[in-house]
Amino acid sequence: PWSGFKRMFDVRGLVELIKSILKLLLIGFVAVLMMDSLG
């Protein structure tokens, strides 16, 4: 568990977090635009 906890806060974990947030924001933004245009 300690090794897994450290991996969560290393550089790779930070990059994965940034990618996940970027995907969520990008897909959510485009999905809202498409639903608005297809309303």
All heavy atoms as atom14 arrays in JSON, in Angstrom:
{
  "sequence": "PWSGFKRMFDVRGLVELIKSILKLLLIGFVAVLMMDSLG",
  "atom14_mask": [
    [1, 1, 1, 1, 1, 1, 1, 0, 0, 0, 0, 0, 0, 0],
    [1, 1, 1, 1, 1, 1, 1, 1, 1, 1, 1, 1, 1, 1],
    [1, 1, 1, 1, 1, 1, 0, 0, 0, 0, 0, 0, 0, 0],
    [1, 1, 1, 1, 0, 0, 0, 0, 0, 0, 0, 0, 0, 0],
    [1, 1, 1, 1, 1, 1, 1, 1, 1, 1, 1, 0, 0, 0],
    [1, 1, 1, 1, 1, 1, 1, 1, 1, 0, 0, 0, 0, 0],
    [1, 1, 1, 1, 1, 1, 1, 1, 1, 1, 1, 0, 0, 0],
    [1, 1, 1, 1, 1, 1, 1, 1, 0, 0, 0, 0, 0, 0],
    [1, 1, 1, 1, 1, 1, 1, 1, 1, 1, 1, 0, 0, 0],
    [1, 1, 1, 1, 1, 1, 1, 1, 0, 0, 0, 0, 0, 0],
    [1, 1, 1, 1, 1, 1, 1, 0, 0, 0, 0, 0, 0, 0],
    [1, 1, 1, 1, 1, 1, 1, 1, 1, 1, 1, 0, 0, 0],
    [1, 1, 1, 1, 0, 0, 0, 0, 0, 0, 0, 0, 0, 0],
    [1, 1, 1, 1, 1, 1, 1, 1, 0, 0, 0, 0, 0, 0],
    [1, 1, 1, 1, 1, 1, 1, 0, 0, 0, 0, 0, 0, 0],
    [1, 1, 1, 1, 1, 1, 1, 1, 1, 0, 0, 0, 0, 0],
    [1, 1, 1, 1, 1, 1, 1, 1, 0, 0, 0, 0, 0, 0],
    [1, 1, 1, 1, 1, 1, 1, 1, 0, 0, 0, 0, 0, 0],
    [1, 1, 1, 1, 1, 1, 1, 1, 1, 0, 0, 0, 0, 0],
    [1, 1, 1, 1, 1, 1, 0, 0, 0, 0, 0, 0, 0, 0],
    [1, 1, 1, 1, 1, 1, 1, 1, 0, 0, 0, 0, 0, 0],
    [1, 1, 1, 1, 1, 1, 1, 1, 0, 0, 0, 0, 0, 0],
    [1, 1, 1, 1, 1, 1, 1, 1, 1, 0, 0, 0, 0, 0],
    [1, 1, 1, 1, 1, 1, 1, 1, 0, 0, 0, 0, 0, 0],
    [1, 1, 1, 1, 1, 1, 1, 1, 0, 0, 0, 0, 0, 0],
    [1, 1, 1, 1, 1, 1, 1, 1, 0, 0, 0, 0, 0, 0],
    [1, 1, 1, 1, 1, 1, 1, 1, 0, 0, 0, 0, 0, 0],
    [1, 1, 1, 1, 0, 0, 0, 0, 0, 0, 0, 0, 0, 0],
    [1, 1, 1, 1, 1, 1, 1, 1, 1, 1, 1, 0, 0, 0],
    [1, 1, 1, 1, 1, 1, 1, 0, 0, 0, 0, 0, 0, 0],
    [1, 1, 1, 1, 1, 0, 0, 0, 0, 0, 0, 0, 0, 0],
    [1, 1, 1, 1, 1, 1, 1, 0, 0, 0, 0, 0, 0, 0],
    [1, 1, 1, 1, 1, 1, 1, 1, 0, 0, 0, 0, 0, 0],
    [1, 1, 1, 1, 1, 1, 1, 1, 0, 0, 0, 0, 0, 0],
    [1, 1, 1, 1, 1, 1, 1, 1, 0, 0, 0, 0, 0, 0],
    [1, 1, 1, 1, 1, 1, 1, 1, 0, 0, 0, 0, 0, 0],
    [1, 1, 1, 1, 1, 1, 0, 0, 0, 0, 0, 0, 0, 0],
    [1, 1, 1, 1, 1, 1, 1, 1, 0, 0, 0, 0, 0, 0],
    [1, 1, 1, 1, 0, 0, 0, 0, 0, 0, 0, 0, 0, 0]
  ],
  "atom14_positions": [
    [[0.82, -1.23, 0.0], [0.0, 0.0, 0.0], [0.84, 1.27, 0.0], [0.47, 2.25, -0.63], [-0.81, -0.14, 1.3], [-0.81, -1.59, 1.63], [0.51, -2.12, 1.13], [0.0, 0.0, 0.0], [0.0, 0.0, 0.0], [0.0, 0.0, 0.0], [0.0, 0.0, 0.0], [0.0, 0.0, 0.0], [0.0, 0.0, 0.0], [0.0, 0.0, 0.0]],
    [[1.98, 1.24, 0.69], [2.82, 2.43, 0.74], [3.39, 2.75, -0.64], [3.45, 3.93, -1.02], [3.94, 2.23, 1.75], [4.9, 3.37, 1.81], [6.22, 3.35, 1.47], [4.63, 4.72, 2.22], [6.79, 4.58, 1.63], [5.82, 5.46, 2.09], [3.48, 5.38, 2.66], [5.91, 6.8, 2.42], [3.57, 6.73, 2.97], [4.77, 7.43, 2.85]],
    [[3.81, 1.7, -1.36], [4.32, 1.93, -2.72], [3.22, 2.49, -3.61], [3.46, 3.4, -4.41], [4.86, 0.62, -3.31], [5.93, 0.13, -2.52], [0.0, 0.0, 0.0], [0.0, 0.0, 0.0], [0.0, 0.0, 0.0], [0.0, 0.0, 0.0], [0.0, 0.0, 0.0], [0.0, 0.0, 0.0], [0.0, 0.0, 0.0], [0.0, 0.0, 0.0]],
    [[2.01, 1.96, -3.49], [0.91, 2.5, -4.28], [0.58, 3.93, -3.91], [0.27, 4.76, -4.77], [0.0, 0.0, 0.0], [0.0, 0.0, 0.0], [0.0, 0.0, 0.0], [0.0, 0.0, 0.0], [0.0, 0.0, 0.0], [0.0, 0.0, 0.0], [0.0, 0.0, 0.0], [0.0, 0.0, 0.0], [0.0, 0.0, 0.0], [0.0, 0.0, 0.0]],
    [[0.68, 4.25, -2.63], [0.42, 5.63, -2.19], [1.45, 6.59, -2.76], [1.13, 7.7, -3.19], [0.42, 5.67, -0.66], [0.08, 7.01, -0.1], [-1.24, 7.47, -0.07], [1.08, 7.85, 0.39], [-1.55, 8.73, 0.45], [0.77, 9.1, 0.91], [-0.55, 9.53, 0.93], [0.0, 0.0, 0.0], [0.0, 0.0, 0.0], [0.0, 0.0, 0.0]],
    [[2.73, 6.15, -2.78], [3.77, 7.0, -3.33], [3.59, 7.2, -4.83], [3.86, 8.28, -5.36], [5.15, 6.4, -3.04], [5.56, 6.47, -1.58], [7.04, 6.17, -1.4], [7.38, 4.77, -1.84], [8.8, 4.45, -1.59], [0.0, 0.0, 0.0], [0.0, 0.0, 0.0], [0.0, 0.0, 0.0], [0.0, 0.0, 0.0], [0.0, 0.0, 0.0]],
    [[3.15, 6.14, -5.54], [2.93, 6.28, -6.99], [1.82, 7.29, -7.29], [1.81, 7.91, -8.35], [2.6, 4.92, -7.6], [3.79, 3.99, -7.75], [3.47, 2.86, -8.71], [2.39, 2.02, -8.2], [2.57, 0.94, -7.45], [3.8, 0.57, -7.09], [1.54, 0.22, -7.04], [0.0, 0.0, 0.0], [0.0, 0.0, 0.0], [0.0, 0.0, 0.0]],
    [[0.88, 7.42, -6.36], [-0.22, 8.36, -6.59], [0.26, 9.81, -6.6], [-0.37, 10.68, -7.23], [-1.3, 8.17, -5.51], [-2.05, 6.86, -5.6], [-3.19, 6.65, -4.22], [-4.24, 8.08, -4.39], [0.0, 0.0, 0.0], [0.0, 0.0, 0.0], [0.0, 0.0, 0.0], [0.0, 0.0, 0.0], [0.0, 0.0, 0.0], [0.0, 0.0, 0.0]],
    [[1.37, 10.08, -5.92], [1.82, 11.47, -5.78], [3.16, 11.73, -6.44], [3.8, 12.75, -6.17], [1.89, 11.83, -4.29], [0.56, 11.83, -3.6], [0.13, 10.71, -2.91], [-0.27, 12.93, -3.68], [-1.1, 10.71, -2.28], [-1.51, 12.94, -3.05], [-1.93, 11.81, -2.35], [0.0, 0.0, 0.0], [0.0, 0.0, 0.0], [0.0, 0.0, 0.0]],
    [[3.61, 10.8, -7.31], [4.84, 11.07, -8.03], [4.51, 11.81, -9.33], [3.36, 12.19, -9.57], [5.62, 9.78, -8.3], [4.85, 8.81, -9.17], [3.74, 9.17, -9.62], [5.34, 7.69, -9.42], [0.0, 0.0, 0.0], [0.0, 0.0, 0.0], [0.0, 0.0, 0.0], [0.0, 0.0, 0.0], [0.0, 0.0, 0.0], [0.0, 0.0, 0.0]],
    [[5.54, 12.02, -10.16], [5.34, 12.79, -11.38], [4.35, 12.1, -12.31], [3.48, 12.75, -12.92], [6.69, 13.01, -12.09], [6.49, 13.74, -13.41], [7.64, 13.79, -11.18], [0.0, 0.0, 0.0], [0.0, 0.0, 0.0], [0.0, 0.0, 0.0], [0.0, 0.0, 0.0], [0.0, 0.0, 0.0], [0.0, 0.0, 0.0], [0.0, 0.0, 0.0]],
    [[4.47, 10.78, -12.41], [3.55, 10.06, -13.3], [2.11, 10.19, -12.82], [1.19, 10.37, -13.62], [3.95, 8.58, -13.36], [5.26, 8.34, -14.09], [5.5, 6.85, -14.22], [6.72, 6.57, -14.96], [7.15, 5.34, -15.24], [6.47, 4.3, -14.81], [8.27, 5.16, -15.93], [0.0, 0.0, 0.0], [0.0, 0.0, 0.0], [0.0, 0.0, 0.0]],
    [[1.91, 10.06, -11.49], [0.56, 10.21, -10.97], [0.0, 11.6, -11.24], [-1.19, 11.75, -11.57], [0.0, 0.0, 0.0], [0.0, 0.0, 0.0], [0.0, 0.0, 0.0], [0.0, 0.0, 0.0], [0.0, 0.0, 0.0], [0.0, 0.0, 0.0], [0.0, 0.0, 0.0], [0.0, 0.0, 0.0], [0.0, 0.0, 0.0], [0.0, 0.0, 0.0]],
    [[0.84, 12.62, -11.13], [0.4, 13.98, -11.42], [0.02, 14.14, -12.89], [-1.0, 14.77, -13.22], [1.51, 14.96, -11.05], [1.23, 16.44, -11.31], [0.02, 16.9, -10.5], [2.45, 17.28, -10.98], [0.0, 0.0, 0.0], [0.0, 0.0, 0.0], [0.0, 0.0, 0.0], [0.0, 0.0, 0.0], [0.0, 0.0, 0.0], [0.0, 0.0, 0.0]],
    [[0.83, 13.54, -13.78], [0.52, 13.63, -15.21], [-0.79, 12.93, -15.52], [-1.63, 13.42, -16.29], [1.68, 13.03, -16.02], [1.29, 12.91, -17.5], [2.93, 13.88, -15.9], [0.0, 0.0, 0.0], [0.0, 0.0, 0.0], [0.0, 0.0, 0.0], [0.0, 0.0, 0.0], [0.0, 0.0, 0.0], [0.0, 0.0, 0.0], [0.0, 0.0, 0.0]],
    [[-1.0, 11.74, -14.93], [-2.26, 11.02, -15.16], [-3.44, 11.83, -14.65], [-4.51, 11.85, -15.28], [-2.21, 9.66, -14.47], [-1.18, 8.69, -15.06], [-1.48, 8.35, -16.5], [-2.68, 8.3, -16.86], [-0.52, 8.18, -17.28], [0.0, 0.0, 0.0], [0.0, 0.0, 0.0], [0.0, 0.0, 0.0], [0.0, 0.0, 0.0], [0.0, 0.0, 0.0]],
    [[-3.28, 12.5, -13.5], [-4.36, 13.32, -12.98], [-4.68, 14.48, -13.92], [-5.86, 14.77, -14.2], [-3.97, 13.85, -11.6], [-4.96, 14.81, -10.93], [-6.3, 14.11, -10.69], [-4.39, 15.35, -9.63], [0.0, 0.0, 0.0], [0.0, 0.0, 0.0], [0.0, 0.0, 0.0], [0.0, 0.0, 0.0], [0.0, 0.0, 0.0], [0.0, 0.0, 0.0]],
    [[-3.64, 15.13, -14.43], [-3.86, 16.24, -15.37], [-4.55, 15.75, -16.63], [-5.47, 16.41, -17.15], [-2.51, 16.92, -15.69], [-1.95, 17.6, -14.44], [-2.68, 17.93, -16.82], [-0.56, 18.18, -14.63], [0.0, 0.0, 0.0], [0.0, 0.0, 0.0], [0.0, 0.0, 0.0], [0.0, 0.0, 0.0], [0.0, 0.0, 0.0], [0.0, 0.0, 0.0]],
    [[-4.13, 14.59, -17.14], [-4.77, 14.05, -18.35], [-6.24, 13.74, -18.09], [-7.1, 13.99, -18.94], [-4.03, 12.8, -18.82], [-2.68, 13.07, -19.43], [-2.14, 11.85, -20.15], [-1.97, 10.69, -19.21], [-1.35, 9.52, -19.89], [0.0, 0.0, 0.0], [0.0, 0.0, 0.0], [0.0, 0.0, 0.0], [0.0, 0.0, 0.0], [0.0, 0.0, 0.0]],
    [[-6.53, 13.16, -16.93], [-7.93, 12.82, -16.62], [-8.79, 14.08, -16.53], [-9.92, 14.12, -17.05], [-7.98, 12.04, -15.31], [-7.25, 10.83, -15.4], [0.0, 0.0, 0.0], [0.0, 0.0, 0.0], [0.0, 0.0, 0.0], [0.0, 0.0, 0.0], [0.0, 0.0, 0.0], [0.0, 0.0, 0.0], [0.0, 0.0, 0.0], [0.0, 0.0, 0.0]],
    [[-8.27, 15.1, -15.86], [-9.03, 16.36, -15.74], [-9.22, 16.99, -17.12], [-10.31, 17.49, -17.46], [-8.3, 17.32, -14.79], [-8.28, 16.75, -13.37], [-8.96, 18.69, -14.81], [-7.49, 17.58, -12.38], [0.0, 0.0, 0.0], [0.0, 0.0, 0.0], [0.0, 0.0, 0.0], [0.0, 0.0, 0.0], [0.0, 0.0, 0.0], [0.0, 0.0, 0.0]],
    [[-8.15, 16.96, -17.93], [-8.24, 17.54, -19.28], [-9.26, 16.79, -20.12], [-10.06, 17.41, -20.85], [-6.86, 17.5, -19.95], [-6.76, 18.11, -21.34], [-7.13, 19.59, -21.3], [-5.34, 17.94, -21.89], [0.0, 0.0, 0.0], [0.0, 0.0, 0.0], [0.0, 0.0, 0.0], [0.0, 0.0, 0.0], [0.0, 0.0, 0.0], [0.0, 0.0, 0.0]],
    [[-9.28, 15.47, -20.03], [-10.27, 14.69, -20.79], [-11.68, 15.02, -20.32], [-12.6, 15.18, -21.15], [-9.99, 13.2, -20.62], [-8.83, 12.68, -21.43], [-8.79, 11.17, -21.46], [-8.53, 10.62, -20.06], [-8.4, 9.14, -20.1], [0.0, 0.0, 0.0], [0.0, 0.0, 0.0], [0.0, 0.0, 0.0], [0.0, 0.0, 0.0], [0.0, 0.0, 0.0]],
    [[-11.86, 15.07, -19.02], [-13.2, 15.36, -18.49], [-13.69, 16.73, -18.95], [-14.85, 16.87, -19.41], [-13.15, 15.28, -16.97], [-14.47, 15.57, -16.24], [-15.53, 14.55, -16.62], [-14.25, 15.58, -14.73], [0.0, 0.0, 0.0], [0.0, 0.0, 0.0], [0.0, 0.0, 0.0], [0.0, 0.0, 0.0], [0.0, 0.0, 0.0], [0.0, 0.0, 0.0]],
    [[-12.84, 17.73, -18.86], [-13.26, 19.08, -19.25], [-13.52, 19.16, -20.75], [-14.52, 19.75, -21.19], [-12.19, 20.1, -18.85], [-11.96, 20.29, -17.34], [-10.81, 21.25, -17.1], [-13.23, 20.77, -16.67], [0.0, 0.0, 0.0], [0.0, 0.0, 0.0], [0.0, 0.0, 0.0], [0.0, 0.0, 0.0], [0.0, 0.0, 0.0], [0.0, 0.0, 0.0]],
    [[-12.64, 18.59, -21.55], [-12.78, 18.68, -23.0], [-14.01, 17.94, -23.48], [-14.82, 18.48, -24.25], [-11.52, 18.12, -23.67], [-11.47, 18.18, -25.19], [-11.52, 19.63, -25.66], [-10.2, 17.5, -25.72], [0.0, 0.0, 0.0], [0.0, 0.0, 0.0], [0.0, 0.0, 0.0], [0.0, 0.0, 0.0], [0.0, 0.0, 0.0], [0.0, 0.0, 0.0]],
    [[-14.17, 16.7, -23.03], [-15.31, 15.91, -23.48], [-16.62, 16.5, -22.96], [-17.63, 16.57, -23.67], [-15.15, 14.45, -23.04], [-13.96, 13.82, -23.77], [-16.42, 13.64, -23.32], [-13.65, 12.41, -23.33], [0.0, 0.0, 0.0], [0.0, 0.0, 0.0], [0.0, 0.0, 0.0], [0.0, 0.0, 0.0], [0.0, 0.0, 0.0], [0.0, 0.0, 0.0]],
    [[-16.61, 16.95, -21.7], [-17.82, 17.57, -21.15], [-18.21, 18.83, -21.9], [-19.39, 19.05, -22.2], [0.0, 0.0, 0.0], [0.0, 0.0, 0.0], [0.0, 0.0, 0.0], [0.0, 0.0, 0.0], [0.0, 0.0, 0.0], [0.0, 0.0, 0.0], [0.0, 0.0, 0.0], [0.0, 0.0, 0.0], [0.0, 0.0, 0.0], [0.0, 0.0, 0.0]],
    [[-17.23, 19.66, -22.23], [-17.51, 20.9, -22.95], [-18.09, 20.62, -24.34], [-19.1, 21.2, -24.74], [-16.23, 21.72, -23.06], [-16.37, 22.99, -23.84], [-17.08, 24.08, -23.33], [-15.82, 23.11, -25.1], [-17.21, 25.25, -24.05], [-15.95, 24.27, -25.84], [-16.66, 25.35, -25.3], [0.0, 0.0, 0.0], [0.0, 0.0, 0.0], [0.0, 0.0, 0.0]],
    [[-17.46, 19.69, -25.06], [-17.95, 19.38, -26.42], [-19.3, 18.69, -26.35], [-20.19, 18.93, -27.19], [-16.91, 18.51, -27.15], [-17.46, 18.07, -28.51], [-15.62, 19.27, -27.33], [0.0, 0.0, 0.0], [0.0, 0.0, 0.0], [0.0, 0.0, 0.0], [0.0, 0.0, 0.0], [0.0, 0.0, 0.0], [0.0, 0.0, 0.0], [0.0, 0.0, 0.0]],
    [[-19.5, 17.84, -25.34], [-20.79, 17.16, -25.22], [-21.91, 18.16, -24.98], [-23.02, 18.05, -25.54], [-20.73, 16.13, -24.08], [0.0, 0.0, 0.0], [0.0, 0.0, 0.0], [0.0, 0.0, 0.0], [0.0, 0.0, 0.0], [0.0, 0.0, 0.0], [0.0, 0.0, 0.0], [0.0, 0.0, 0.0], [0.0, 0.0, 0.0], [0.0, 0.0, 0.0]],
    [[-21.67, 19.16, -24.13], [-22.69, 20.19, -23.89], [-22.98, 20.97, -25.17], [-24.15, 21.26, -25.49], [-22.22, 21.14, -22.76], [-23.12, 22.35, -22.66], [-22.18, 20.39, -21.44], [0.0, 0.0, 0.0], [0.0, 0.0, 0.0], [0.0, 0.0, 0.0], [0.0, 0.0, 0.0], [0.0, 0.0, 0.0], [0.0, 0.0, 0.0], [0.0, 0.0, 0.0]],
    [[-21.95, 21.32, -25.92], [-22.16, 22.03, -27.18], [-22.98, 21.21, -28.16], [-23.9, 21.74, -28.82], [-20.81, 22.39, -27.81], [-19.98, 23.47, -27.1], [-18.68, 23.71, -27.86], [-20.76, 24.78, -27.0], [0.0, 0.0, 0.0], [0.0, 0.0, 0.0], [0.0, 0.0, 0.0], [0.0, 0.0, 0.0], [0.0, 0.0, 0.0], [0.0, 0.0, 0.0]],
    [[-22.68, 19.91, -28.26], [-23.41, 19.07, -29.22], [-24.85, 18.87, -28.77], [-25.78, 18.9, -29.6], [-22.71, 17.72, -29.36], [-21.33, 17.8, -29.99], [-20.69, 16.18, -30.42], [-21.8, 15.71, -31.75], [0.0, 0.0, 0.0], [0.0, 0.0, 0.0], [0.0, 0.0, 0.0], [0.0, 0.0, 0.0], [0.0, 0.0, 0.0], [0.0, 0.0, 0.0]],
    [[-25.08, 18.67, -27.48], [-26.46, 18.51, -27.02], [-27.25, 19.8, -27.24], [-28.45, 19.76, -27.55], [-26.46, 18.12, -25.54], [-25.86, 16.75, -25.27], [-26.72, 15.42, -26.12], [-28.31, 15.48, -25.31], [0.0, 0.0, 0.0], [0.0, 0.0, 0.0], [0.0, 0.0, 0.0], [0.0, 0.0, 0.0], [0.0, 0.0, 0.0], [0.0, 0.0, 0.0]],
    [[-26.59, 20.95, -27.1], [-27.27, 22.21, -27.34], [-27.64, 22.37, -28.81], [-28.73, 22.85, -29.15], [-26.38, 23.37, -26.88], [-27.06, 24.72, -27.05], [-28.09, 24.95, -26.37], [-26.57, 25.52, -27.87], [0.0, 0.0, 0.0], [0.0, 0.0, 0.0], [0.0, 0.0, 0.0], [0.0, 0.0, 0.0], [0.0, 0.0, 0.0], [0.0, 0.0, 0.0]],
    [[-26.7, 21.97, -29.69], [-26.98, 22.09, -31.12], [-28.0, 21.07, -31.6], [-28.72, 21.32, -32.57], [-25.68, 21.93, -31.91], [-25.15, 20.63, -31.71], [0.0, 0.0, 0.0], [0.0, 0.0, 0.0], [0.0, 0.0, 0.0], [0.0, 0.0, 0.0], [0.0, 0.0, 0.0], [0.0, 0.0, 0.0], [0.0, 0.0, 0.0], [0.0, 0.0, 0.0]],
    [[-28.11, 19.94, -30.92], [-29.06, 18.9, -31.32], [-30.35, 18.95, -30.52], [-31.18, 18.04, -30.62], [-28.42, 17.52, -31.16], [-27.21, 17.21, -32.05], [-26.6, 15.87, -31.68], [-27.62, 17.21, -33.52], [0.0, 0.0, 0.0], [0.0, 0.0, 0.0], [0.0, 0.0, 0.0], [0.0, 0.0, 0.0], [0.0, 0.0, 0.0], [0.0, 0.0, 0.0]],
    [[-30.5, 19.99, -29.68], [-31.68, 20.05, -28.82], [-32.99, 20.01, -29.59], [-33.91, 19.25, -29.27], [0.0, 0.0, 0.0], [0.0, 0.0, 0.0], [0.0, 0.0, 0.0], [0.0, 0.0, 0.0], [0.0, 0.0, 0.0], [0.0, 0.0, 0.0], [0.0, 0.0, 0.0], [0.0, 0.0, 0.0], [0.0, 0.0, 0.0], [0.0, 0.0, 0.0]]
  ]
}
